[in-house]
Amino acid sequence: MYKMATRQVRLREDHHQFVKDEAYALSGLVQNAIDEMIEGDREPPSDANRPTEGHKLTRTSVSITDEHDDFIASHDFTFSVLVHQLIEERIELERKLREDR
């Protein structure tokens, strides 16, 4: 059984609301993305910052396994940028799905 670590992240309020409205498990999205990075199917984000200017931020926590936490610590990327990119990807996917209806 995995032990869980918790990482704090500040989300843009619109991202936080999207996650709540769509009933996404943010921790699950992040864990899946880190698994993809570990397996070499996804590149870690190269950006060090995410666009937050003009947005209110909401602090939340993301649960990850110790293996994921070790991976993050041993690779040079900004965790909050990863979370931001994942939410942006999901928003874009939802937009495309709505257009196809």
N, C-alpha and C. Protein backbone atom coordinates (compact mmCIF):
# COMPACT_ATOMS: atom_id res chain seq x y z
N MET A 1 0.84 -1.18 0.00
CA MET A 1 0.00 0.00 0.00
C MET A 1 0.89 1.25 0.00
N TYR A 2 0.50 2.22 -0.79
CA TYR A 2 1.26 3.46 -0.88
C TYR A 2 0.93 4.39 0.27
N LYS A 3 1.94 5.06 0.74
CA LYS A 3 1.74 6.14 1.69
C LYS A 3 1.51 7.40 0.87
N MET A 4 0.62 8.26 1.30
CA MET A 4 0.28 9.45 0.54
C MET A 4 0.97 10.68 1.11
N ALA A 5 1.50 11.48 0.22
CA ALA A 5 2.07 12.78 0.57
C ALA A 5 1.07 13.84 0.10
N THR A 6 1.14 15.00 0.68
CA THR A 6 0.26 16.10 0.28
C THR A 6 1.11 17.27 -0.17
N ARG A 7 0.76 17.80 -1.32
CA ARG A 7 1.43 18.99 -1.85
C ARG A 7 0.41 20.11 -1.91
N GLN A 8 0.80 21.26 -1.42
CA GLN A 8 -0.05 22.45 -1.48
C GLN A 8 0.16 23.14 -2.83
N VAL A 9 -0.92 23.63 -3.40
CA VAL A 9 -0.83 24.35 -4.66
C VAL A 9 -1.88 25.46 -4.64
N ARG A 10 -1.53 26.57 -5.24
CA ARG A 10 -2.50 27.66 -5.39
C ARG A 10 -3.02 27.63 -6.81
N LEU A 11 -4.33 27.44 -6.93
CA LEU A 11 -4.98 27.40 -8.23
C LEU A 11 -5.62 28.74 -8.52
N ARG A 12 -5.67 29.07 -9.80
CA ARG A 12 -6.49 30.21 -10.19
C ARG A 12 -7.91 29.87 -9.81
N GLU A 13 -8.66 30.87 -9.38
CA GLU A 13 -10.03 30.63 -8.93
C GLU A 13 -10.89 29.98 -10.02
N ASP A 14 -10.69 30.38 -11.29
CA ASP A 14 -11.47 29.79 -12.37
C ASP A 14 -11.11 28.31 -12.55
N HIS A 15 -9.86 27.95 -12.35
CA HIS A 15 -9.46 26.55 -12.43
C HIS A 15 -10.05 25.76 -11.28
N HIS A 16 -10.00 26.33 -10.09
CA HIS A 16 -10.55 25.67 -8.91
C HIS A 16 -12.05 25.41 -9.11
N GLN A 17 -12.74 26.40 -9.63
CA GLN A 17 -14.19 26.26 -9.88
C GLN A 17 -14.45 25.20 -10.94
N PHE A 18 -13.65 25.15 -11.99
CA PHE A 18 -13.81 24.15 -13.03
C PHE A 18 -13.68 22.75 -12.45
N VAL A 19 -12.66 22.53 -11.64
CA VAL A 19 -12.44 21.22 -11.04
C VAL A 19 -13.65 20.84 -10.18
N LYS A 20 -14.16 21.79 -9.40
CA LYS A 20 -15.33 21.51 -8.58
C LYS A 20 -16.57 21.25 -9.43
N ASP A 21 -16.81 22.09 -10.43
CA ASP A 21 -18.01 21.97 -11.27
C ASP A 21 -18.03 20.66 -12.05
N GLU A 22 -16.88 20.23 -12.52
CA GLU A 22 -16.80 19.02 -13.34
C GLU A 22 -16.59 17.77 -12.49
N ALA A 23 -16.49 17.96 -11.18
CA ALA A 23 -16.32 16.86 -10.22
C ALA A 23 -15.08 16.01 -10.55
N TYR A 24 -14.01 16.69 -10.96
CA TYR A 24 -12.75 15.98 -11.21
C TYR A 24 -12.02 15.77 -9.89
N ALA A 25 -11.36 14.64 -9.79
CA ALA A 25 -10.48 14.38 -8.66
C ALA A 25 -9.10 14.91 -9.06
N LEU A 26 -8.77 16.08 -8.58
CA LEU A 26 -7.51 16.72 -8.96
C LEU A 26 -6.31 15.83 -8.64
N SER A 27 -6.35 15.20 -7.48
CA SER A 27 -5.24 14.32 -7.11
C SER A 27 -5.07 13.19 -8.12
N GLY A 28 -6.17 12.62 -8.58
CA GLY A 28 -6.10 11.55 -9.57
C GLY A 28 -5.53 12.03 -10.89
N LEU A 29 -5.94 13.22 -11.34
CA LEU A 29 -5.39 13.77 -12.59
C LEU A 29 -3.89 13.95 -12.48
N VAL A 30 -3.45 14.49 -11.34
CA VAL A 30 -2.02 14.74 -11.14
C VAL A 30 -1.25 13.42 -11.05
N GLN A 31 -1.78 12.46 -10.30
CA GLN A 31 -1.11 11.17 -10.17
C GLN A 31 -0.97 10.48 -11.52
N ASN A 32 -2.03 10.51 -12.33
CA ASN A 32 -1.96 9.90 -13.67
C ASN A 32 -0.90 10.58 -14.54
N ALA A 33 -0.83 11.90 -14.47
CA ALA A 33 0.16 12.64 -15.27
C ALA A 33 1.57 12.31 -14.82
N ILE A 34 1.79 12.19 -13.52
CA ILE A 34 3.13 11.85 -13.03
C ILE A 34 3.49 10.43 -13.44
N ASP A 35 2.50 9.52 -13.40
CA ASP A 35 2.75 8.15 -13.89
C ASP A 35 3.20 8.20 -15.36
N GLU A 36 2.54 9.04 -16.15
CA GLU A 36 2.91 9.17 -17.57
C GLU A 36 4.34 9.70 -17.71
N MET A 37 4.73 10.62 -16.83
CA MET A 37 6.10 11.14 -16.87
C MET A 37 7.09 10.04 -16.48
N ILE A 38 6.77 9.28 -15.45
CA ILE A 38 7.65 8.20 -15.01
C ILE A 38 7.83 7.18 -16.13
N GLU A 39 6.75 6.90 -16.87
CA GLU A 39 6.79 5.92 -17.95
C GLU A 39 7.37 6.50 -19.24
N GLY A 40 7.63 7.80 -19.27
CA GLY A 40 8.21 8.44 -20.43
C GLY A 40 7.19 8.85 -21.49
N ASP A 41 5.90 8.81 -21.14
CA ASP A 41 4.84 9.17 -22.09
C ASP A 41 4.47 10.65 -22.04
N ARG A 42 5.00 11.38 -21.08
CA ARG A 42 4.73 12.82 -20.94
C ARG A 42 5.99 13.49 -20.46
N GLU A 43 6.24 14.66 -21.01
CA GLU A 43 7.39 15.45 -20.58
C GLU A 43 7.00 16.32 -19.39
N PRO A 44 7.89 16.46 -18.43
CA PRO A 44 7.61 17.42 -17.36
C PRO A 44 7.51 18.83 -17.94
N PRO A 45 6.75 19.70 -17.32
CA PRO A 45 6.65 21.07 -17.84
C PRO A 45 8.00 21.77 -17.79
N SER A 46 8.27 22.54 -18.83
CA SER A 46 9.55 23.26 -18.88
C SER A 46 9.41 24.68 -18.36
N ASP A 47 8.18 25.18 -18.31
CA ASP A 47 7.97 26.54 -17.80
C ASP A 47 8.14 26.57 -16.29
N ALA A 48 8.63 27.70 -15.80
CA ALA A 48 8.79 27.86 -14.36
C ALA A 48 7.64 28.65 -13.75
N ASN A 49 6.87 29.31 -14.59
CA ASN A 49 5.76 30.12 -14.09
C ASN A 49 4.50 29.79 -14.88
N ARG A 50 3.37 30.13 -14.29
CA ARG A 50 2.10 29.97 -14.97
C ARG A 50 1.37 31.30 -14.95
N PRO A 51 0.51 31.55 -15.92
CA PRO A 51 -0.17 32.85 -15.96
C PRO A 51 -1.21 32.97 -14.84
N THR A 52 -0.95 33.87 -13.91
CA THR A 52 -1.90 34.09 -12.82
C THR A 52 -2.27 35.56 -12.68
N GLU A 53 -1.63 36.42 -13.45
CA GLU A 53 -1.89 37.85 -13.33
C GLU A 53 -3.36 38.14 -13.56
N GLY A 54 -3.94 38.91 -12.66
CA GLY A 54 -5.34 39.28 -12.78
C GLY A 54 -6.31 38.22 -12.27
N HIS A 55 -5.80 37.13 -11.73
CA HIS A 55 -6.64 36.05 -11.21
C HIS A 55 -6.48 35.95 -9.71
N LYS A 56 -7.60 35.72 -9.03
CA LYS A 56 -7.52 35.38 -7.61
C LYS A 56 -7.06 33.94 -7.51
N LEU A 57 -6.31 33.64 -6.46
CA LEU A 57 -5.79 32.29 -6.27
C LEU A 57 -6.42 31.64 -5.06
N THR A 58 -6.64 30.35 -5.16
CA THR A 58 -7.22 29.56 -4.08
C THR A 58 -6.25 28.44 -3.74
N ARG A 59 -5.95 28.31 -2.46
CA ARG A 59 -5.02 27.26 -2.02
C ARG A 59 -5.80 25.96 -1.84
N THR A 60 -5.19 24.89 -2.35
CA THR A 60 -5.78 23.56 -2.18
C THR A 60 -4.65 22.56 -2.04
N SER A 61 -4.98 21.34 -1.69
CA SER A 61 -3.95 20.31 -1.58
C SER A 61 -4.20 19.19 -2.57
N VAL A 62 -3.12 18.58 -2.98
CA VAL A 62 -3.15 17.47 -3.91
C VAL A 62 -2.43 16.30 -3.23
N SER A 63 -3.11 15.17 -3.16
CA SER A 63 -2.51 13.97 -2.57
C SER A 63 -1.79 13.19 -3.65
N ILE A 64 -0.56 12.81 -3.35
CA ILE A 64 0.24 12.00 -4.27
C ILE A 64 0.94 10.93 -3.46
N THR A 65 1.36 9.88 -4.14
CA THR A 65 2.09 8.82 -3.44
C THR A 65 3.51 9.28 -3.13
N ASP A 66 4.16 8.57 -2.23
CA ASP A 66 5.56 8.88 -1.94
C ASP A 66 6.43 8.71 -3.19
N GLU A 67 6.08 7.73 -4.03
CA GLU A 67 6.84 7.52 -5.28
C GLU A 67 6.72 8.76 -6.18
N HIS A 68 5.52 9.32 -6.26
CA HIS A 68 5.31 10.53 -7.06
C HIS A 68 6.08 11.70 -6.45
N ASP A 69 6.01 11.81 -5.13
CA ASP A 69 6.71 12.89 -4.43
C ASP A 69 8.22 12.80 -4.67
N ASP A 70 8.76 11.59 -4.63
CA ASP A 70 10.19 11.38 -4.90
C ASP A 70 10.53 11.76 -6.34
N PHE A 71 9.64 11.40 -7.27
CA PHE A 71 9.87 11.75 -8.67
C PHE A 71 9.92 13.27 -8.85
N ILE A 72 8.97 13.96 -8.24
CA ILE A 72 8.94 15.43 -8.33
C ILE A 72 10.23 16.02 -7.77
N ALA A 73 10.64 15.51 -6.61
CA ALA A 73 11.83 16.04 -5.95
C ALA A 73 13.10 15.79 -6.77
N SER A 74 13.10 14.72 -7.55
CA SER A 74 14.32 14.38 -8.30
C SER A 74 14.34 14.95 -9.72
N HIS A 75 13.27 15.66 -10.11
CA HIS A 75 13.21 16.25 -11.44
C HIS A 75 12.98 17.75 -11.31
N ASP A 76 13.54 18.47 -12.22
CA ASP A 76 13.51 19.93 -12.14
C ASP A 76 12.30 20.50 -12.88
N PHE A 77 11.14 20.50 -12.21
CA PHE A 77 9.97 21.16 -12.76
C PHE A 77 9.13 21.73 -11.63
N THR A 78 8.31 22.69 -11.97
CA THR A 78 7.49 23.37 -10.98
C THR A 78 6.14 22.67 -10.89
N PHE A 79 5.84 22.15 -9.71
CA PHE A 79 4.62 21.37 -9.48
C PHE A 79 3.36 22.16 -9.85
N SER A 80 3.30 23.42 -9.45
CA SER A 80 2.10 24.22 -9.72
C SER A 80 1.90 24.43 -11.22
N VAL A 81 2.98 24.47 -11.99
CA VAL A 81 2.87 24.59 -13.45
C VAL A 81 2.26 23.31 -14.02
N LEU A 82 2.68 22.16 -13.51
CA LEU A 82 2.11 20.89 -13.95
C LEU A 82 0.60 20.89 -13.70
N VAL A 83 0.19 21.25 -12.51
CA VAL A 83 -1.24 21.25 -12.16
C VAL A 83 -1.99 22.21 -13.08
N HIS A 84 -1.43 23.38 -13.28
CA HIS A 84 -2.05 24.37 -14.17
C HIS A 84 -2.23 23.80 -15.58
N GLN A 85 -1.18 23.19 -16.12
CA GLN A 85 -1.25 22.62 -17.47
C GLN A 85 -2.30 21.52 -17.56
N LEU A 86 -2.38 20.68 -16.54
CA LEU A 86 -3.37 19.60 -16.55
C LEU A 86 -4.79 20.14 -16.59
N ILE A 87 -5.05 21.16 -15.80
CA ILE A 87 -6.39 21.75 -15.78
C ILE A 87 -6.67 22.42 -17.12
N GLU A 88 -5.70 23.14 -17.67
CA GLU A 88 -5.89 23.76 -18.98
C GLU A 88 -6.18 22.71 -20.05
N GLU A 89 -5.46 21.59 -20.02
CA GLU A 89 -5.71 20.51 -20.98
C GLU A 89 -7.13 19.98 -20.84
N ARG A 90 -7.58 19.81 -19.61
CA ARG A 90 -8.91 19.27 -19.35
C ARG A 90 -9.99 20.26 -19.79
N ILE A 91 -9.77 21.54 -19.55
CA ILE A 91 -10.71 22.58 -20.00
C ILE A 91 -10.83 22.55 -21.52
N GLU A 92 -9.70 22.44 -22.20
CA GLU A 92 -9.70 22.40 -23.67
C GLU A 92 -10.41 21.15 -24.17
N LEU A 93 -10.17 20.01 -23.54
CA LEU A 93 -10.84 18.78 -23.93
C LEU A 93 -12.36 18.90 -23.76
N GLU A 94 -12.79 19.45 -22.64
CA GLU A 94 -14.22 19.64 -22.39
C GLU A 94 -14.83 20.59 -23.43
N ARG A 95 -14.10 21.63 -23.79
CA ARG A 95 -14.58 22.58 -24.80
C ARG A 95 -14.78 21.87 -26.13
N LYS A 96 -13.80 21.07 -26.53
CA LYS A 96 -13.89 20.34 -27.80
C LYS A 96 -15.05 19.34 -27.78
N LEU A 97 -15.24 18.67 -26.67
CA LEU A 97 -16.34 17.72 -26.57
C LEU A 97 -17.70 18.42 -26.70
N ARG A 98 -17.81 19.59 -26.10
CA ARG A 98 -19.07 20.35 -26.21
C ARG A 98 -19.32 20.80 -27.65
N GLU A 99 -18.25 21.19 -28.34
CA GLU A 99 -18.39 21.62 -29.74
C GLU A 99 -18.83 20.48 -30.64
N ASP A 100 -18.40 19.26 -30.33
CA ASP A 100 -18.73 18.11 -31.15
C ASP A 100 -20.16 17.61 -30.97
N ARG A 101 -20.84 18.12 -29.98
CA ARG A 101 -22.22 17.66 -29.72
C ARG A 101 -23.19 18.28 -30.67
